Structure formats: C-alpha cells, structure tokens
Amino acid sequence: MAEIKPEEITHPPMDQLQGFEYCIDSNPSWGEAIVLGFQHYILALGTAVMIPTLLVPLMGGSDDDKVRVVQTLLFVTGVNTLLQTLFGTRLPTVVGGSYAFVVPIISIIHDSSLTRIVDDHERFLQTMRAIQGALIVSSSIQIILGYSQLWGIFSRFFSPLGMVPVVSLVGFGLFDRGFPVVGRCVEIGVPMLILFIASSQYLKHLHVRRLPVLERFSLLITITIIWVYAHLLTVGGAYKYRPERTQFNCRTDRANLISSAPWIKIPYPLQWGAPTFDAGHSFGMMAAVFVSLIESTGTYKAAARLASATPPPAHVLSRGIGWQGIGILLDGLFGTVTGSTVSVENVGLLGSTRVGSRRVIQISAGFMIFFSILGKFGALFASIPFTIFAAVYCVLFGVVAAVGLSLLQFTNMNSMRNLFIVGVSIFLGLSVPEYFFRYTMSAQHGPAHTKASWFNDYMNTIFSSPPTVALIVAVFLDNTLDFKDTGKDRGMPWWARFRTFNGDSRSEEFYTLPFNLDRFFPPS
C-alpha cells in the first residue's frame, strides 16, 4: 500500500471562506438583490413576532398593542440594520430583537409596583415605560465600551482558539429554538425542514437562465409552499378539535395580527409616553446588554467569514458595538419591548445562499421599514406560523455553529492544552445555561434568588447565555493555562494580522466607512 502524503489528508487554512458568488463588497443584479433582501426580511419576522407574542400578553397588552409592538420592533430593526451596515462594522448583518433581554424584562413585568395596577392597558403602558427607561440607561454600557475602544482593547485577549467555543455556541446555544419548536407541530415543521434541506442543498445545481434559483431562493420558495399547505390544513378543519397549544403552533389564523393591524402607522419615539427610570431595573438590564455584546461579537466573527471577508479588526469591532449601543438606545426611545443583537439566523442565510453582499442586507432593512409602516401587508407576512421558522433555524443555526468550529483550522488540535480548553468551554457553555433553565422551570425563579432583584437578574441573565459562559471560560483558560510559548498553537500568528486596521491590506476594502468618513474617524 502506497504511503499517504500529508498534503493528501490536510487542507491549507484559508483567511477567507471560498466558494461564495458574492462577497461583502460585490453585488448581484438589482432584481436578484431585491428578492434576496425580501428573503432576509421574511426570515427576520420570526424573532420580530415571537418576542412581542411572548411578552406583551404578560404585560397586560391586547392584540392591538402586540401588533404595534411588532411594527415598532421591525421599524427599529430596519433602522439599526442600516446604521450598522453603513457606519458600524459594515458587515452584512441584521440587527434585530434579542432573547437575552427576556429575563430582566420578565422581572420588570413582575415588579410589585406594576402588578398591582388593575387596568390591563394602563399596566401595559406603565410596564412598557419602565422597560424603555431600563433600556435607555443600560445602552450606555455598549456605547461607552464601543466608542472608547475598551472592547477593542479587551478583544486583544481573544485568539482563534478562544473564539471557537463562543462562535460555535452562538449557533449551538439556540438548539431549544430548533427542533423542540418544530415538534410542536410536526405536520408542517418536519416537511419544512426536509424541503428546505432538499432544495437548498441537493437541488442547488438546478439553474434557470444560469441562475441557481433553488440555492438562492430556497427559503422563500419553501416557506411559501409550506405556508399554503398549513393554510389548507387550517381551513380544512385539520386542527378543529386539537388542543389549544397545537392550534396556536399550527394554524395560520391564530396570531390575530392582520385583523388588529392598522393600514398605515408610523412608529415614533416616546409613542407609549415618557419612560420611567428605576435603578434596580437598569442594573438588571445591564446584564442583558453585556450578554448581547458578547453574542454579537461572536456573530460578527461568523458574519465576516460567511461574507468571505477577513476578521474585523479591534477598531471595527468596537465601532460596531458602539453603534449597537445606539440601537439599544433607539429600542428604548421607540418602545420595542426588547433590546437588540445581531440576528444569528440571517447570518446563517448568508452561508446557505452563498451571497454575503452588504447591499442585500441594506435592501432587507428597507423592506422592514416599509412593511412596518404598511401594517396590514406586514401583518400578512408576520402571520406565518413560528414552527416554519423553527425548521429553518435547525439549518441556519447549525451553519453558524460550524463556522465557529472552522476556526480550529488555525490552531494545533494535537495539543492536549487546546483540546482541554475547547472541550471544557463548549461543555460548560451548554451545561451551565441548561442548569439555569431547568432550575427556573421547576422553581419558577432562577438559581440566584436573593432580596436584591437586580443582582438576581444580573446573575441569571449572564449564566443563561451559552456564548457568554463559553467566553468567560475560554478566555480565562486560554490566557492563564500554560499560555507562554503557546502562541502558535493558539493560532496567534494568523490572528495578529487582523488585530489592527492596517495589519492587513484587505481591511480597507471591507471595513472603510462610506462618504470618506475615515478622515474624521481614522482607524487604529
């Protein structure tokens, strides 16, 4: 038997992910870009509808209130996405609602000063104003860490090895929003999952006029097919005698969005009234802002890879975090009921379509703003059952997680030190949040349960986030455990070029500000 050569079983590390039709600064035709942008808008609807659906009824809000919150969240998502793609990291990322804020927000909802309000609508308004105040104050964390470059300075402690668990768990950590939700309505969830994988992967070479239609637009095509199928099941009476939970997850007429939506409504700042401020609420919300910062850092790293760009330099990463803080400030001013983070599912779609164009995401932001103002039309698309989105998440979250694992190519995985750090970080990143989740479900409160509610919110929020736990463990171990003379094993020779803006010539191509603004804000 012939001896196997090393080059036959190894692959050279690649700075940029190959095989993309369009990278961050190349653009498809306008027609193709518009359809791709609409596809990203449809995908963003899942989170934009689900978070208000979860929180608004707990606040005492009606269906009319829920629709207004969904419209407001979509509008601000569009604005934040435009700001981030123009002046922030400039990566093709959608900046939308975040589940990281749910723990402190539910704590505010259960505040005794609010629960004693008898009138439901008045309780909704007062709770919304309290959430707004907490978001406005806590947004200062990201604004300060971003624009002062402190987060960029801290990021110098990161290495490819330390980032593997963080980026991976940005995707893997969302497993509870995948098949567990698909299982709530398997008759539409499983067909959607199978059809999306088949069309986007097995049939991706099918071309129409030299355009790979199924690879580019499989999300839009399969959602339309399964949505029509779900509607036929609904009108055909398939769920007429099923349990209430099944009907909620399967029927296409249970969201009550279309009937409650106005034809035209423009969200505006302070539309719910003047925000109220409470120190305890604000401190608890700061934990969610910190979690959002870490999760977005991991997602930015994945987005750069899936846009076929080089890793964002520390200066660019800080700039993006600063603008994300501005986004959370806008969330507080407009009243979106939650804060912002980078949408993981939309980053995954960059890989699925092999289109990492910045312009496509900017067009999707235009759709978000447009349909948030035209309420009836936006509500029609927002009535897609969440089970359909969950089936897509099973694929897209997995793609993002795999991007995190791909960073291992720059490290030495024959090192027991590296194996220990990666394994322990990923395991604790999954296991610790799972403990917090199970404890909360059984005891109806988190493991941190003292008389100081702000401290409870802080601890329960931080340790309920898989990427946050992974970053704490990975960065600590990577910078304290036998760290001398291990730079090559950690991937630092490759990583060092991208720490500064001028370290790699491609940074100027990917991350330079538009309108020649870099002359006023010179990169470091």
Protein backbone atom coordinates (compact mmCIF):
# COMPACT_ATOMS: atom_id res chain seq x y z
CA MET A 1 0.00 0.00 0.00
CA ALA A 2 1.40 3.38 -1.02
CA GLU A 3 2.37 5.76 1.73
CA ILE A 4 -0.12 8.60 2.22
CA LYS A 5 1.41 12.05 1.82
CA PRO A 6 0.49 14.73 4.44
CA GLU A 7 -0.88 17.08 1.77
CA GLU A 8 -3.40 14.39 0.78
CA ILE A 9 -5.09 14.40 4.20
CA THR A 10 -4.72 18.07 5.17
CA HIS A 11 -6.16 21.28 3.80
CA PRO A 12 -4.37 24.63 3.95
CA PRO A 13 -6.01 27.23 6.25
CA MET A 14 -7.93 29.93 4.36
CA ASP A 15 -8.21 33.56 5.53
CA GLN A 16 -11.48 33.94 3.62
CA LEU A 17 -14.17 31.33 3.09
CA GLN A 18 -14.18 30.27 -0.54
CA GLY A 19 -16.98 29.37 -2.93
CA PHE A 20 -19.13 32.49 -2.50
CA GLU A 21 -20.76 34.01 -5.55
CA TYR A 22 -20.85 37.47 -3.96
CA CYS A 23 -18.75 38.64 -1.03
CA ILE A 24 -19.27 41.61 1.25
CA ASP A 25 -18.50 44.34 -1.30
CA SER A 26 -19.70 42.66 -4.52
CA ASN A 27 -23.33 42.82 -5.52
CA PRO A 28 -25.77 40.68 -7.51
CA SER A 29 -28.05 42.32 -10.06
CA TRP A 30 -30.68 44.66 -8.65
CA GLY A 31 -33.52 42.22 -9.33
CA GLU A 32 -31.72 39.36 -7.60
CA ALA A 33 -30.63 41.61 -4.73
CA ILE A 34 -34.21 42.78 -4.11
CA VAL A 35 -35.56 39.22 -3.92
CA LEU A 36 -32.68 38.18 -1.64
CA GLY A 37 -33.34 41.23 0.54
CA PHE A 38 -37.02 40.32 0.82
CA GLN A 39 -35.95 36.80 1.81
CA HIS A 40 -33.85 38.19 4.68
CA TYR A 41 -36.84 40.34 5.73
CA ILE A 42 -39.11 37.27 5.87
CA LEU A 43 -36.54 35.42 7.98
CA ALA A 44 -36.24 38.32 10.42
CA LEU A 45 -40.00 38.18 11.05
CA GLY A 46 -39.67 35.07 13.22
CA THR A 47 -37.94 36.84 16.11
CA ALA A 48 -39.75 40.14 15.49
CA VAL A 49 -43.12 38.43 16.05
CA MET A 50 -42.18 35.83 18.66
CA ILE A 51 -40.70 38.17 21.30
CA PRO A 52 -43.74 40.52 21.45
CA THR A 53 -46.06 37.48 21.33
CA LEU A 54 -44.28 36.17 24.43
CA LEU A 55 -44.01 39.41 26.40
CA VAL A 56 -46.93 41.71 25.51
CA PRO A 57 -49.70 39.47 26.98
CA LEU A 58 -47.69 39.20 30.23
CA MET A 59 -47.63 43.00 30.35
CA GLY A 60 -51.41 43.19 30.05
CA GLY A 61 -51.39 44.22 26.39
CA SER A 62 -54.10 43.43 23.84
CA ASP A 63 -53.76 42.15 20.28
CA ASP A 64 -53.73 45.79 19.11
CA ASP A 65 -50.83 46.51 21.45
CA LYS A 66 -48.98 43.41 20.23
CA VAL A 67 -49.31 44.49 16.60
CA ARG A 68 -47.99 47.97 17.39
CA VAL A 69 -45.00 46.48 19.23
CA VAL A 70 -44.25 44.12 16.32
CA GLN A 71 -44.42 47.05 13.89
CA THR A 72 -42.17 49.15 16.11
CA LEU A 73 -39.63 46.35 16.55
CA LEU A 74 -39.48 45.79 12.77
CA PHE A 75 -39.11 49.52 12.12
CA VAL A 76 -36.24 49.93 14.58
CA THR A 77 -34.64 46.70 13.31
CA GLY A 78 -34.57 48.25 9.84
CA VAL A 79 -33.07 51.49 11.12
CA ASN A 80 -30.44 49.70 13.25
CA THR A 81 -29.51 47.42 10.36
CA LEU A 82 -28.92 50.39 8.07
CA LEU A 83 -26.82 52.16 10.71
CA GLN A 84 -24.72 49.03 11.36
CA THR A 85 -24.10 48.27 7.68
CA LEU A 86 -23.27 51.89 6.87
CA PHE A 87 -21.33 53.13 9.89
CA GLY A 88 -20.78 50.17 12.25
CA THR A 89 -18.83 47.03 11.38
CA ARG A 90 -20.19 47.33 7.80
CA LEU A 91 -20.72 43.57 7.83
CA PRO A 92 -23.92 42.20 6.19
CA THR A 93 -25.76 41.71 9.48
CA VAL A 94 -29.38 42.28 10.53
CA VAL A 95 -29.60 43.89 13.99
CA GLY A 96 -32.90 42.74 15.50
CA GLY A 97 -34.62 41.81 18.74
CA SER A 98 -32.77 39.73 21.32
CA TYR A 99 -33.95 36.98 23.65
CA ALA A 100 -31.11 37.90 26.02
CA PHE A 101 -33.31 40.66 27.44
CA VAL A 102 -36.23 38.39 28.34
CA VAL A 103 -35.05 37.57 31.90
CA PRO A 104 -34.74 41.20 33.14
CA ILE A 105 -37.86 42.22 31.23
CA ILE A 106 -39.95 39.50 32.89
CA SER A 107 -38.52 40.67 36.21
CA ILE A 108 -39.80 44.18 35.44
CA ILE A 109 -43.20 42.78 34.42
CA HIS A 110 -43.48 41.02 37.82
CA ASP A 111 -42.46 44.12 39.77
CA SER A 112 -44.99 44.62 42.59
CA SER A 113 -45.47 48.30 41.73
CA LEU A 114 -46.72 47.27 38.28
CA THR A 115 -48.64 44.07 39.05
CA ARG A 116 -50.95 45.95 41.43
CA ILE A 117 -52.30 48.11 38.57
CA VAL A 118 -55.84 46.82 37.93
CA ASP A 119 -56.48 48.15 34.42
CA ASP A 120 -54.68 45.90 31.89
CA HIS A 121 -54.00 48.63 29.33
CA GLU A 122 -52.64 51.02 31.95
CA ARG A 123 -50.43 48.22 33.32
CA PHE A 124 -49.16 47.58 29.80
CA LEU A 125 -48.27 51.24 29.30
CA GLN A 126 -46.56 51.60 32.69
CA THR A 127 -44.59 48.37 32.16
CA MET A 128 -43.53 49.46 28.69
CA ARG A 129 -42.32 52.79 30.06
CA ALA A 130 -40.33 51.03 32.78
CA ILE A 131 -38.71 48.74 30.15
CA GLN A 132 -37.93 51.77 27.99
CA GLY A 133 -36.21 53.55 30.87
CA ALA A 134 -34.09 50.50 31.70
CA LEU A 135 -33.05 50.09 28.04
CA ILE A 136 -32.13 53.77 27.69
CA VAL A 137 -29.88 53.70 30.77
CA SER A 138 -28.29 50.31 30.10
CA SER A 139 -27.49 51.17 26.45
CA SER A 140 -24.69 53.33 27.82
CA ILE A 141 -22.69 50.14 28.52
CA GLN A 142 -22.23 49.30 24.84
CA ILE A 143 -21.93 52.95 23.81
CA ILE A 144 -19.08 53.53 26.27
CA LEU A 145 -17.30 50.21 25.66
CA GLY A 146 -17.62 50.68 21.90
CA TYR A 147 -16.72 54.30 21.27
CA SER A 148 -13.99 54.38 23.94
CA GLN A 149 -12.36 51.38 22.19
CA LEU A 150 -12.35 49.49 25.52
CA TRP A 151 -14.00 46.46 23.94
CA GLY A 152 -11.44 46.51 21.16
CA ILE A 153 -8.64 46.59 23.75
CA PHE A 154 -10.22 43.68 25.63
CA SER A 155 -10.59 41.74 22.37
CA ARG A 156 -6.79 41.54 22.21
CA PHE A 157 -7.12 38.72 24.74
CA PHE A 158 -9.08 36.74 22.13
CA SER A 159 -7.45 34.08 19.98
CA PRO A 160 -8.81 31.72 17.31
CA LEU A 161 -8.81 29.00 19.97
CA GLY A 162 -10.76 31.14 22.45
CA MET A 163 -13.26 32.23 19.81
CA VAL A 164 -14.15 28.68 18.71
CA PRO A 165 -16.49 27.98 21.69
CA VAL A 166 -18.01 31.47 21.54
CA VAL A 167 -18.89 31.47 17.84
CA SER A 168 -19.95 27.82 17.92
CA LEU A 169 -22.34 28.35 20.83
CA VAL A 170 -23.85 31.40 19.15
CA GLY A 171 -25.42 28.71 16.94
CA PHE A 172 -25.47 25.57 19.09
CA GLY A 173 -26.75 27.53 22.11
CA LEU A 174 -30.03 28.18 20.29
CA PHE A 175 -30.90 24.49 19.95
CA ASP A 176 -34.08 24.97 22.03
CA ARG A 177 -35.49 27.20 19.28
CA GLY A 178 -34.94 24.50 16.67
CA PHE A 179 -36.47 21.04 16.71
CA PRO A 180 -38.20 21.38 20.14
CA VAL A 181 -40.36 24.04 18.47
CA VAL A 182 -40.70 22.01 15.24
CA GLY A 183 -42.07 19.19 17.39
CA ARG A 184 -44.99 21.33 18.49
CA CYS A 185 -46.46 20.93 15.01
CA VAL A 186 -44.65 18.13 13.20
CA GLU A 187 -47.12 18.07 10.30
CA ILE A 188 -45.76 21.40 9.00
CA GLY A 189 -42.39 21.60 10.78
CA VAL A 190 -40.86 18.35 9.54
CA PRO A 191 -41.95 18.83 5.88
CA MET A 192 -40.48 22.34 6.02
CA LEU A 193 -37.16 21.04 7.37
CA ILE A 194 -36.91 18.27 4.75
CA LEU A 195 -37.98 20.52 1.87
CA PHE A 196 -35.56 23.31 2.83
CA ILE A 197 -32.58 20.94 3.06
CA ALA A 198 -33.51 19.20 -0.19
CA SER A 199 -33.99 22.40 -2.18
CA SER A 200 -31.06 24.38 -0.81
CA GLN A 201 -28.51 21.55 -0.91
CA TYR A 202 -29.48 18.56 -3.05
CA LEU A 203 -31.19 20.59 -5.79
CA LYS A 204 -28.94 23.65 -5.60
CA HIS A 205 -27.39 22.95 -9.02
CA LEU A 206 -30.73 23.45 -10.76
CA HIS A 207 -30.34 26.59 -12.87
CA VAL A 208 -32.88 28.80 -14.60
CA ARG A 209 -31.19 31.12 -17.09
CA ARG A 210 -27.83 30.40 -15.43
CA LEU A 211 -29.21 31.42 -12.03
CA PRO A 212 -29.18 28.77 -9.23
CA VAL A 213 -32.77 29.53 -8.25
CA LEU A 214 -33.20 26.92 -5.52
CA GLU A 215 -29.88 27.67 -3.84
CA ARG A 216 -30.55 31.43 -3.84
CA PHE A 217 -34.25 31.50 -3.03
CA SER A 218 -34.96 28.15 -1.36
CA LEU A 219 -36.07 29.85 1.86
CA LEU A 220 -38.67 31.98 0.10
CA ILE A 221 -39.90 29.12 -2.09
CA THR A 222 -40.21 26.52 0.67
CA ILE A 223 -41.80 28.91 3.18
CA THR A 224 -44.44 29.82 0.56
CA ILE A 225 -45.18 26.15 -0.19
CA ILE A 226 -45.45 25.10 3.47
CA TRP A 227 -47.38 28.25 4.41
CA VAL A 228 -50.00 27.46 1.75
CA TYR A 229 -50.04 23.82 2.93
CA ALA A 230 -50.54 24.96 6.55
CA HIS A 231 -53.36 27.27 5.46
CA LEU A 232 -55.10 24.42 3.62
CA LEU A 233 -54.87 22.31 6.78
CA THR A 234 -56.32 25.21 8.76
CA VAL A 235 -59.32 25.92 6.52
CA GLY A 236 -59.87 22.19 6.03
CA GLY A 237 -60.53 21.77 9.74
CA ALA A 238 -57.50 19.58 10.48
CA TYR A 239 -56.95 21.31 13.83
CA LYS A 240 -60.57 21.91 14.78
CA TYR A 241 -60.60 19.50 17.72
CA ARG A 242 -56.89 19.60 18.58
CA PRO A 243 -55.52 21.03 21.88
CA GLU A 244 -55.17 24.80 22.18
CA ARG A 245 -51.37 24.65 22.10
CA THR A 246 -51.39 22.65 18.87
CA GLN A 247 -53.78 25.12 17.27
CA PHE A 248 -51.58 28.05 18.31
CA ASN A 249 -48.48 26.49 16.74
CA CYS A 250 -50.10 25.07 13.60
CA ARG A 251 -52.94 27.31 12.48
CA THR A 252 -52.30 30.28 10.20
CA ASP A 253 -55.11 32.37 11.71
CA ARG A 254 -54.14 32.32 15.40
CA ALA A 255 -51.75 35.27 15.53
CA ASN A 256 -54.61 37.85 15.32
CA LEU A 257 -52.20 40.21 13.60
CA ILE A 258 -53.96 41.01 10.33
CA SER A 259 -57.31 41.97 11.87
CA SER A 260 -55.61 44.11 14.53
CA ALA A 261 -53.10 45.87 12.29
CA PRO A 262 -53.78 49.41 11.01
CA TRP A 263 -53.37 50.12 7.32
CA ILE A 264 -50.72 52.79 7.89
CA LYS A 265 -48.92 53.56 11.16
CA ILE A 266 -45.53 55.22 11.55
CA PRO A 267 -43.73 54.33 14.82
CA TYR A 268 -42.20 57.33 16.58
CA PRO A 269 -40.11 57.95 19.72
CA LEU A 270 -41.93 58.05 23.09
CA GLN A 271 -45.15 56.77 21.47
CA TRP A 272 -46.04 54.96 24.71
CA GLY A 273 -45.43 58.02 26.89
CA ALA A 274 -42.45 59.28 28.86
CA PRO A 275 -40.10 56.47 30.06
CA THR A 276 -39.77 55.86 33.79
CA PHE A 277 -36.44 55.12 35.43
CA ASP A 278 -35.61 52.73 38.26
CA ALA A 279 -32.06 51.90 39.37
CA GLY A 280 -32.84 48.22 40.05
CA HIS A 281 -34.44 47.73 36.63
CA SER A 282 -31.49 49.42 34.90
CA PHE A 283 -28.83 47.35 36.70
CA GLY A 284 -30.64 44.13 35.79
CA MET A 285 -30.94 45.22 32.16
CA MET A 286 -27.20 45.96 32.00
CA ALA A 287 -26.53 42.22 32.27
CA ALA A 288 -28.62 41.64 29.13
CA VAL A 289 -26.71 44.41 27.33
CA PHE A 290 -23.44 42.72 28.28
CA VAL A 291 -24.74 39.34 27.03
CA SER A 292 -25.90 41.00 23.80
CA LEU A 293 -22.41 42.45 23.38
CA ILE A 294 -20.74 39.03 23.70
CA GLU A 295 -23.25 37.23 21.49
CA SER A 296 -22.90 39.93 18.82
CA THR A 297 -19.10 39.71 18.98
CA GLY A 298 -19.31 36.00 18.15
CA THR A 299 -21.89 36.61 15.44
CA TYR A 300 -19.77 39.36 13.84
CA LYS A 301 -16.89 36.89 13.60
CA ALA A 302 -19.20 34.38 11.89
CA ALA A 303 -20.66 37.05 9.59
CA ALA A 304 -17.20 38.10 8.43
CA ARG A 305 -16.39 34.51 7.48
CA LEU A 306 -19.75 33.98 5.72
CA ALA A 307 -19.33 37.26 3.82
CA SER A 308 -15.93 36.00 2.58
CA ALA A 309 -14.22 38.83 4.44
CA THR A 310 -11.28 38.86 6.84
CA PRO A 311 -11.91 39.04 10.61
CA PRO A 312 -12.95 42.57 11.72
CA PRO A 313 -10.06 44.45 13.38
CA ALA A 314 -10.44 45.53 17.01
CA HIS A 315 -11.20 49.11 15.96
CA VAL A 316 -14.02 47.99 13.64
CA LEU A 317 -15.46 45.60 16.24
CA SER A 318 -15.58 48.41 18.82
CA ARG A 319 -17.19 50.73 16.29
CA GLY A 320 -19.91 48.16 15.66
CA ILE A 321 -20.55 47.67 19.38
CA GLY A 322 -20.86 51.43 19.81
CA TRP A 323 -23.50 51.62 17.08
CA GLN A 324 -25.25 48.62 18.57
CA GLY A 325 -25.47 50.60 21.83
CA ILE A 326 -27.10 53.41 19.84
CA GLY A 327 -29.51 50.76 18.55
CA ILE A 328 -30.49 49.73 22.09
CA LEU A 329 -30.99 53.41 22.89
CA LEU A 330 -33.38 53.61 19.93
CA ASP A 331 -35.15 50.47 21.21
CA GLY A 332 -35.72 52.32 24.48
CA LEU A 333 -36.89 55.53 22.85
CA PHE A 334 -39.32 53.83 20.44
CA GLY A 335 -40.51 51.11 22.83
CA THR A 336 -39.72 47.80 21.11
CA VAL A 337 -40.12 45.79 24.37
CA THR A 338 -36.61 44.30 23.97
CA GLY A 339 -33.05 45.25 23.12
CA SER A 340 -31.00 44.50 20.01
CA THR A 341 -28.40 41.99 18.94
CA VAL A 342 -27.12 40.59 15.65
CA SER A 343 -29.56 38.13 14.08
CA VAL A 344 -27.92 34.67 14.01
CA GLU A 345 -30.42 33.23 11.54
CA ASN A 346 -29.78 35.96 8.97
CA VAL A 347 -26.04 35.37 9.24
CA GLY A 348 -26.67 31.67 8.61
CA LEU A 349 -28.66 32.56 5.49
CA LEU A 350 -25.55 34.24 4.04
CA GLY A 351 -23.93 30.80 4.00
CA SER A 352 -26.99 28.98 2.72
CA THR A 353 -27.36 31.30 -0.29
CA ARG A 354 -23.60 31.86 -0.76
CA VAL A 355 -24.34 35.59 -1.05
CA GLY A 356 -22.58 37.76 1.54
CA SER A 357 -23.40 41.08 -0.11
CA ARG A 358 -23.83 44.12 2.14
CA ARG A 359 -26.29 45.66 -0.32
CA VAL A 360 -28.71 42.73 0.06
CA ILE A 361 -28.95 43.32 3.82
CA GLN A 362 -29.48 47.06 3.29
CA ILE A 363 -32.34 46.29 0.92
CA SER A 364 -33.85 43.96 3.54
CA ALA A 365 -33.69 46.86 6.04
CA GLY A 366 -35.71 48.91 3.55
CA PHE A 367 -38.36 46.18 3.44
CA MET A 368 -38.50 46.13 7.26
CA ILE A 369 -39.12 49.87 7.44
CA PHE A 370 -41.62 49.84 4.55
CA PHE A 371 -43.76 46.94 5.80
CA SER A 372 -43.67 48.16 9.41
CA ILE A 373 -45.42 51.33 8.22
CA LEU A 374 -47.90 49.50 5.95
CA GLY A 375 -49.36 47.50 8.83
CA LYS A 376 -51.81 45.21 7.01
CA PHE A 377 -49.27 43.95 4.48
CA GLY A 378 -46.60 43.47 7.12
CA ALA A 379 -49.06 41.60 9.35
CA LEU A 380 -49.89 39.23 6.48
CA PHE A 381 -46.28 38.02 6.29
CA ALA A 382 -45.94 38.08 10.07
CA SER A 383 -48.78 35.55 10.37
CA ILE A 384 -46.51 32.72 9.14
CA PRO A 385 -46.56 30.02 11.89
CA PHE A 386 -43.41 30.14 14.01
CA THR A 387 -42.95 26.39 13.55
CA ILE A 388 -41.97 27.08 9.94
CA PHE A 389 -39.21 29.44 11.08
CA ALA A 390 -38.02 26.92 13.67
CA ALA A 391 -37.49 24.33 10.92
CA VAL A 392 -35.28 26.80 9.04
CA TYR A 393 -33.39 27.62 12.26
CA CYS A 394 -32.35 23.95 12.53
CA VAL A 395 -30.24 24.50 9.42
CA LEU A 396 -29.12 28.12 9.75
CA PHE A 397 -28.06 27.96 13.40
CA GLY A 398 -26.07 24.85 12.53
CA VAL A 399 -24.27 26.69 9.72
CA VAL A 400 -23.20 29.47 12.10
CA ALA A 401 -22.03 26.94 14.69
CA ALA A 402 -19.95 25.17 12.04
CA VAL A 403 -18.28 28.46 11.16
CA GLY A 404 -17.09 28.65 14.76
CA LEU A 405 -15.67 25.14 14.53
CA SER A 406 -13.89 26.09 11.29
CA LEU A 407 -11.60 28.41 13.28
CA LEU A 408 -9.92 25.27 14.61
CA GLN A 409 -8.01 25.10 11.30
CA PHE A 410 -5.72 27.88 12.56
CA THR A 411 -4.88 26.09 15.83
CA ASN A 412 -2.97 22.97 16.82
CA MET A 413 -5.56 20.38 17.80
CA ASN A 414 -2.85 17.85 18.57
CA SER A 415 -2.20 19.87 21.73
CA MET A 416 -3.78 18.47 24.88
CA ARG A 417 -3.98 22.01 26.25
CA ASN A 418 -6.09 23.13 23.29
CA LEU A 419 -8.31 20.06 23.45
CA PHE A 420 -8.93 20.75 27.14
CA ILE A 421 -9.83 24.42 26.62
CA VAL A 422 -12.16 23.83 23.67
CA GLY A 423 -13.88 20.82 25.22
CA VAL A 424 -14.44 22.31 28.67
CA SER A 425 -15.57 25.68 27.27
CA ILE A 426 -18.14 24.15 24.93
CA PHE A 427 -19.41 21.69 27.51
CA LEU A 428 -19.82 24.29 30.28
CA GLY A 429 -21.26 26.74 27.76
CA LEU A 430 -24.07 24.29 27.12
CA SER A 431 -24.37 22.69 30.57
CA VAL A 432 -24.46 25.78 32.83
CA PRO A 433 -27.29 27.58 30.94
CA GLU A 434 -29.22 24.30 30.80
CA TYR A 435 -28.98 24.06 34.60
CA PHE A 436 -30.26 27.62 34.97
CA PHE A 437 -33.12 26.90 32.56
CA ARG A 438 -34.23 23.69 34.29
CA TYR A 439 -33.96 25.27 37.74
CA THR A 440 -36.09 28.21 36.60
CA MET A 441 -38.73 25.94 35.08
CA SER A 442 -39.08 23.89 38.28
CA ALA A 443 -38.73 26.62 40.91
CA GLN A 444 -40.30 29.49 38.91
CA HIS A 445 -37.23 31.60 39.66
CA GLY A 446 -33.55 31.43 38.78
CA PRO A 447 -30.79 29.90 40.95
CA ALA A 448 -29.85 33.43 42.01
CA HIS A 449 -32.78 34.31 44.29
CA THR A 450 -31.85 36.97 46.85
CA LYS A 451 -33.67 40.04 48.12
CA ALA A 452 -31.73 42.15 45.59
CA SER A 453 -33.72 41.63 42.38
CA TRP A 454 -31.13 43.48 40.28
CA PHE A 455 -28.43 41.03 41.42
CA ASN A 456 -30.72 38.09 40.61
CA ASP A 457 -31.36 39.43 37.12
CA TYR A 458 -27.65 40.02 36.59
CA MET A 459 -26.55 36.52 37.55
CA ASN A 460 -29.47 34.66 35.97
CA THR A 461 -29.06 36.56 32.68
CA ILE A 462 -25.28 36.15 32.42
CA PHE A 463 -25.25 32.42 33.14
CA SER A 464 -28.28 31.66 30.96
CA SER A 465 -26.33 32.63 27.83
CA PRO A 466 -24.21 29.83 26.27
CA PRO A 467 -21.84 32.16 24.35
CA THR A 468 -21.29 34.29 27.46
CA VAL A 469 -20.41 31.32 29.66
CA ALA A 470 -18.19 29.95 26.87
CA LEU A 471 -16.34 33.27 26.51
CA ILE A 472 -15.74 33.60 30.26
CA VAL A 473 -14.34 30.05 30.49
CA ALA A 474 -12.43 30.03 27.19
CA VAL A 475 -10.74 33.44 27.53
CA PHE A 476 -9.79 32.76 31.16
CA LEU A 477 -8.29 29.35 30.41
CA ASP A 478 -6.64 30.47 27.18
CA ASN A 479 -4.86 33.36 28.89
CA THR A 480 -3.88 31.61 32.13
CA LEU A 481 -3.23 27.95 31.32
CA ASP A 482 0.32 27.35 30.01
CA PHE A 483 -0.06 30.42 27.82
CA LYS A 484 3.66 31.13 27.45
CA ASP A 485 5.24 29.87 24.23
CA THR A 486 1.86 28.55 23.00
CA GLY A 487 1.04 31.43 20.63
CA LYS A 488 1.49 29.28 17.54
CA ASP A 489 -0.72 26.52 18.95
CA ARG A 490 -3.42 29.08 19.75
CA GLY A 491 -3.37 30.47 16.20
CA MET A 492 -1.91 33.85 17.15
CA PRO A 493 0.49 34.26 14.16
CA TRP A 494 -2.54 34.16 11.85
CA TRP A 495 -4.76 36.24 14.17
CA ALA A 496 -2.19 39.01 14.80
CA ARG A 497 -2.52 40.47 11.29
CA PHE A 498 -6.18 41.28 11.84
CA ARG A 499 -5.86 42.95 15.24
CA THR A 500 -5.19 46.36 13.71
CA PHE A 501 -6.82 48.03 10.73
CA ASN A 502 -3.53 48.46 8.89
CA GLY A 503 -2.32 44.94 9.68
CA ASP A 504 -3.88 43.52 6.50
CA SER A 505 -4.48 45.42 3.27
CA ARG A 506 -7.92 43.84 2.78
CA SER A 507 -9.32 45.57 5.88
CA GLU A 508 -9.54 48.83 3.95
CA GLU A 509 -11.56 47.15 1.21
CA PHE A 510 -14.05 45.55 3.61
CA TYR A 511 -14.37 47.95 6.54
CA THR A 512 -13.67 51.53 5.38
CA LEU A 513 -16.50 53.94 6.20
CA PRO A 514 -18.55 55.43 3.34
CA PHE A 515 -18.50 59.08 2.26
CA ASN A 516 -14.79 59.30 3.15
CA LEU A 517 -15.69 59.49 6.86
CA ASP A 518 -12.46 57.76 7.87
CA ARG A 519 -10.66 61.06 7.60
CA PHE A 520 -12.68 62.26 10.60
CA PHE A 521 -12.51 58.92 12.45
CA PRO A 522 -9.12 57.46 11.50
CA PRO A 523 -8.79 53.71 12.13
CA SER A 524 -6.25 52.46 14.62
